[in-house]
């Protein structure tokens, strides 16, 4: 794992530098969050940057494994959270690292704040159950995305799911 993780971080550093240089040259004005999951055997290793989230659904409970890298600020009198650490902010960034053990039946949800912003923890449990019972992951997630839009979500809604089955 150590060698693979080092190569992964080297690649992420290269991408980070490219995005930073593009920002400095005026080629783009944004950046990116990143949540990278490396699973070897039953051990997960997470490299995290920004406010995307990784949530583990295990034994009937949902636990956020990542920590948002945001700061509270104000623009035009409106107080909100801003990204404090993201790809493109600096030449190098510090990834938060997490690791743990996965077991059969565990389910990882990773996605944008557009997905997690209006998704309740108990809904993740319901989604995990629906994914287990149905064969169409796409249908389950598409239906939930429509619910989020009805709740007024206007941000990017991105989500991925990893379910341990063997």
Protein backbone atom coordinates (compact mmCIF):
# COMPACT_ATOMS: atom_id res chain seq x y z
CA UNK A 1 0.00 0.00 0.00
CA UNK A 2 2.76 2.41 0.89
CA UNK A 3 4.27 2.41 -2.62
CA UNK A 4 0.87 2.72 -4.35
CA UNK A 5 -0.17 5.53 -2.01
CA UNK A 6 3.06 7.43 -2.67
CA UNK A 7 2.61 7.15 -6.45
CA UNK A 8 -1.00 8.27 -6.10
CA UNK A 9 0.02 11.32 -4.08
CA UNK A 10 2.76 12.14 -6.63
CA UNK A 11 0.15 12.09 -9.39
CA UNK A 12 -2.22 14.25 -7.36
CA UNK A 13 0.61 16.75 -6.72
CA UNK A 14 1.18 16.99 -10.49
CA UNK A 15 -2.53 17.62 -11.11
CA UNK A 16 -2.58 20.17 -8.29
CA UNK A 17 0.36 22.05 -9.81
CA UNK A 18 -1.25 21.99 -13.29
CA UNK A 19 -4.51 23.45 -11.97
CA UNK A 20 -2.62 26.07 -9.95
CA UNK A 21 -0.61 27.11 -13.03
CA UNK A 22 -3.77 27.30 -15.13
CA UNK A 23 -5.30 29.61 -12.53
CA UNK A 24 -2.19 31.78 -12.43
CA UNK A 25 -2.17 32.02 -16.25
CA UNK A 26 -5.87 32.93 -16.37
CA UNK A 27 -6.80 29.71 -18.16
CA UNK A 28 -9.35 28.85 -15.46
CA UNK A 29 -10.73 30.50 -12.35
CA UNK A 30 -11.76 27.46 -10.35
CA UNK A 31 -10.32 24.51 -8.56
CA UNK A 32 -11.45 21.09 -7.47
CA UNK A 33 -12.15 19.04 -4.42
CA UNK A 34 -10.92 15.45 -4.35
CA UNK A 35 -11.81 12.32 -2.45
CA UNK A 36 -9.71 9.38 -3.58
CA UNK A 37 -10.38 5.92 -2.17
CA UNK A 38 -7.81 3.18 -2.49
CA UNK A 39 -9.02 -0.24 -1.32
CA UNK A 40 -6.61 -3.14 -0.93
CA UNK A 41 -7.96 -6.36 0.53
CA UNK A 42 -10.40 -5.08 3.15
CA UNK A 43 -8.49 -1.90 4.07
CA UNK A 44 -9.60 1.48 2.69
CA UNK A 45 -7.26 4.43 2.42
CA UNK A 46 -8.73 7.85 1.67
CA UNK A 47 -6.94 10.96 0.46
CA UNK A 48 -9.28 13.94 0.89
CA UNK A 49 -9.23 17.59 -0.09
CA UNK A 50 -12.10 20.11 0.07
CA UNK A 51 -15.76 19.63 0.90
CA UNK A 52 -16.71 16.51 -0.99
CA UNK A 53 -17.71 13.80 1.45
CA UNK A 54 -17.23 10.12 2.09
CA UNK A 55 -19.84 8.42 4.27
CA UNK A 56 -19.73 4.83 5.50
CA UNK A 57 -23.04 3.03 6.01
CA UNK A 58 -22.37 0.13 8.34
CA UNK A 59 -24.66 -1.89 10.61
CA UNK A 60 -27.57 0.52 10.25
CA UNK A 61 -25.71 3.77 10.86
CA UNK A 62 -24.14 6.41 8.60
CA UNK A 63 -20.79 7.95 9.58
CA UNK A 64 -19.04 10.72 7.67
CA UNK A 65 -15.40 9.64 7.32
CA UNK A 66 -14.05 12.89 5.87
CA UNK A 67 -13.84 16.37 7.33
CA UNK A 68 -14.90 19.42 5.32
CA UNK A 69 -12.02 21.81 4.69
CA UNK A 70 -14.04 25.02 4.78
CA UNK A 71 -14.02 28.36 6.58
CA UNK A 72 -16.92 30.60 7.50
CA UNK A 73 -16.86 33.92 5.66
CA UNK A 74 -19.07 36.72 4.42
CA UNK A 75 -19.66 38.17 0.95
CA UNK A 76 -22.10 41.04 0.35
CA UNK A 77 -23.49 40.58 3.84
CA UNK A 78 -24.20 36.88 3.31
CA UNK A 79 -22.43 34.47 5.65
CA UNK A 80 -21.52 31.11 4.16
CA UNK A 81 -18.83 28.44 4.08
CA UNK A 82 -15.96 28.75 1.60
CA UNK A 83 -13.46 26.11 0.56
CA UNK A 84 -10.25 26.50 2.52
CA UNK A 85 -8.25 23.77 0.81
CA UNK A 86 -8.73 22.62 -2.78
CA UNK A 87 -6.78 21.65 -5.89
CA UNK A 88 -5.60 24.85 -7.54
CA UNK A 89 -5.43 27.03 -4.44
CA UNK A 90 -1.67 26.62 -3.99
CA UNK A 91 1.18 24.83 -5.74
CA UNK A 92 0.96 22.10 -3.10
CA UNK A 93 -1.88 21.15 -0.81
CA UNK A 94 -2.20 18.91 2.20
CA UNK A 95 -4.52 15.96 1.80
CA UNK A 96 -6.27 14.65 4.87
CA UNK A 97 -5.68 10.91 5.12
CA UNK A 98 -8.03 8.33 6.59
CA UNK A 99 -7.98 4.56 6.72
CA UNK A 100 -10.03 1.74 8.12
CA UNK A 101 -11.38 -1.76 7.68
CA UNK A 102 -14.30 -2.73 5.46
CA UNK A 103 -16.55 -5.71 6.03
CA UNK A 104 -19.12 -7.53 3.90
CA UNK A 105 -22.28 -5.43 3.76
CA UNK A 106 -20.53 -2.06 4.24
CA UNK A 107 -21.45 0.67 1.80
CA UNK A 108 -19.43 3.80 0.97
CA UNK A 109 -21.12 6.87 -0.51
CA UNK A 110 -18.82 9.54 -1.90
CA UNK A 111 -19.98 12.71 -3.55
CA UNK A 112 -20.39 16.44 -3.80
CA UNK A 113 -21.96 18.82 -1.33
CA UNK A 114 -24.79 19.01 -3.89
CA UNK A 115 -25.62 15.40 -3.04
CA UNK A 116 -24.96 15.51 0.71
CA UNK A 117 -26.30 19.04 1.32
CA UNK A 118 -29.94 18.02 1.27
CA UNK A 119 -29.64 14.27 1.89
CA UNK A 120 -30.57 13.28 5.43
CA UNK A 121 -28.50 10.62 7.24
CA UNK A 122 -31.51 8.29 7.45
CA UNK A 123 -31.95 8.62 3.69
CA UNK A 124 -28.46 7.17 3.19
CA UNK A 125 -29.62 4.13 5.14
CA UNK A 126 -32.70 3.88 2.90
CA UNK A 127 -30.59 4.29 -0.24
CA UNK A 128 -28.23 1.56 0.92
CA UNK A 129 -31.21 -0.75 1.49
CA UNK A 130 -32.69 0.08 -1.93
CA UNK A 131 -29.33 -0.57 -3.59
CA UNK A 132 -29.14 -3.95 -1.84
CA UNK A 133 -32.69 -4.92 -2.86
CA UNK A 134 -32.73 -3.57 -6.43
CA UNK A 135 -30.52 -4.35 -9.37
CA UNK A 136 -30.52 -0.83 -10.80
CA UNK A 137 -28.15 1.46 -8.92
CA UNK A 138 -28.76 4.08 -11.62
CA UNK A 139 -32.51 4.11 -10.95
CA UNK A 140 -32.08 4.42 -7.17
CA UNK A 141 -29.63 7.31 -7.46
CA UNK A 142 -31.54 9.05 -10.28
CA UNK A 143 -34.73 8.98 -8.20
CA UNK A 144 -32.89 10.46 -5.21
CA UNK A 145 -31.30 13.15 -7.39
CA UNK A 146 -34.77 14.23 -8.51
CA UNK A 147 -35.85 14.47 -4.85
CA UNK A 148 -32.84 16.68 -4.12
CA UNK A 149 -33.74 18.96 -7.02
CA UNK A 150 -37.32 19.23 -5.72
CA UNK A 151 -35.85 20.31 -2.37
CA UNK A 152 -34.14 23.16 -4.18
CA UNK A 153 -30.64 21.82 -4.69
CA UNK A 154 -28.99 23.80 -7.49
CA UNK A 155 -25.37 22.75 -6.97
CA UNK A 156 -23.67 19.91 -8.83
CA UNK A 157 -25.11 16.57 -7.63
CA UNK A 158 -22.47 13.87 -7.96
CA UNK A 159 -22.38 10.58 -6.10
CA UNK A 160 -20.61 7.24 -6.27
CA UNK A 161 -21.34 4.09 -4.29
CA UNK A 162 -19.14 1.18 -3.30
CA UNK A 163 -20.84 -1.83 -1.68
CA UNK A 164 -18.80 -4.69 -0.20
CA UNK A 165 -20.41 -7.92 -1.34
CA UNK A 166 -17.62 -10.51 -1.02
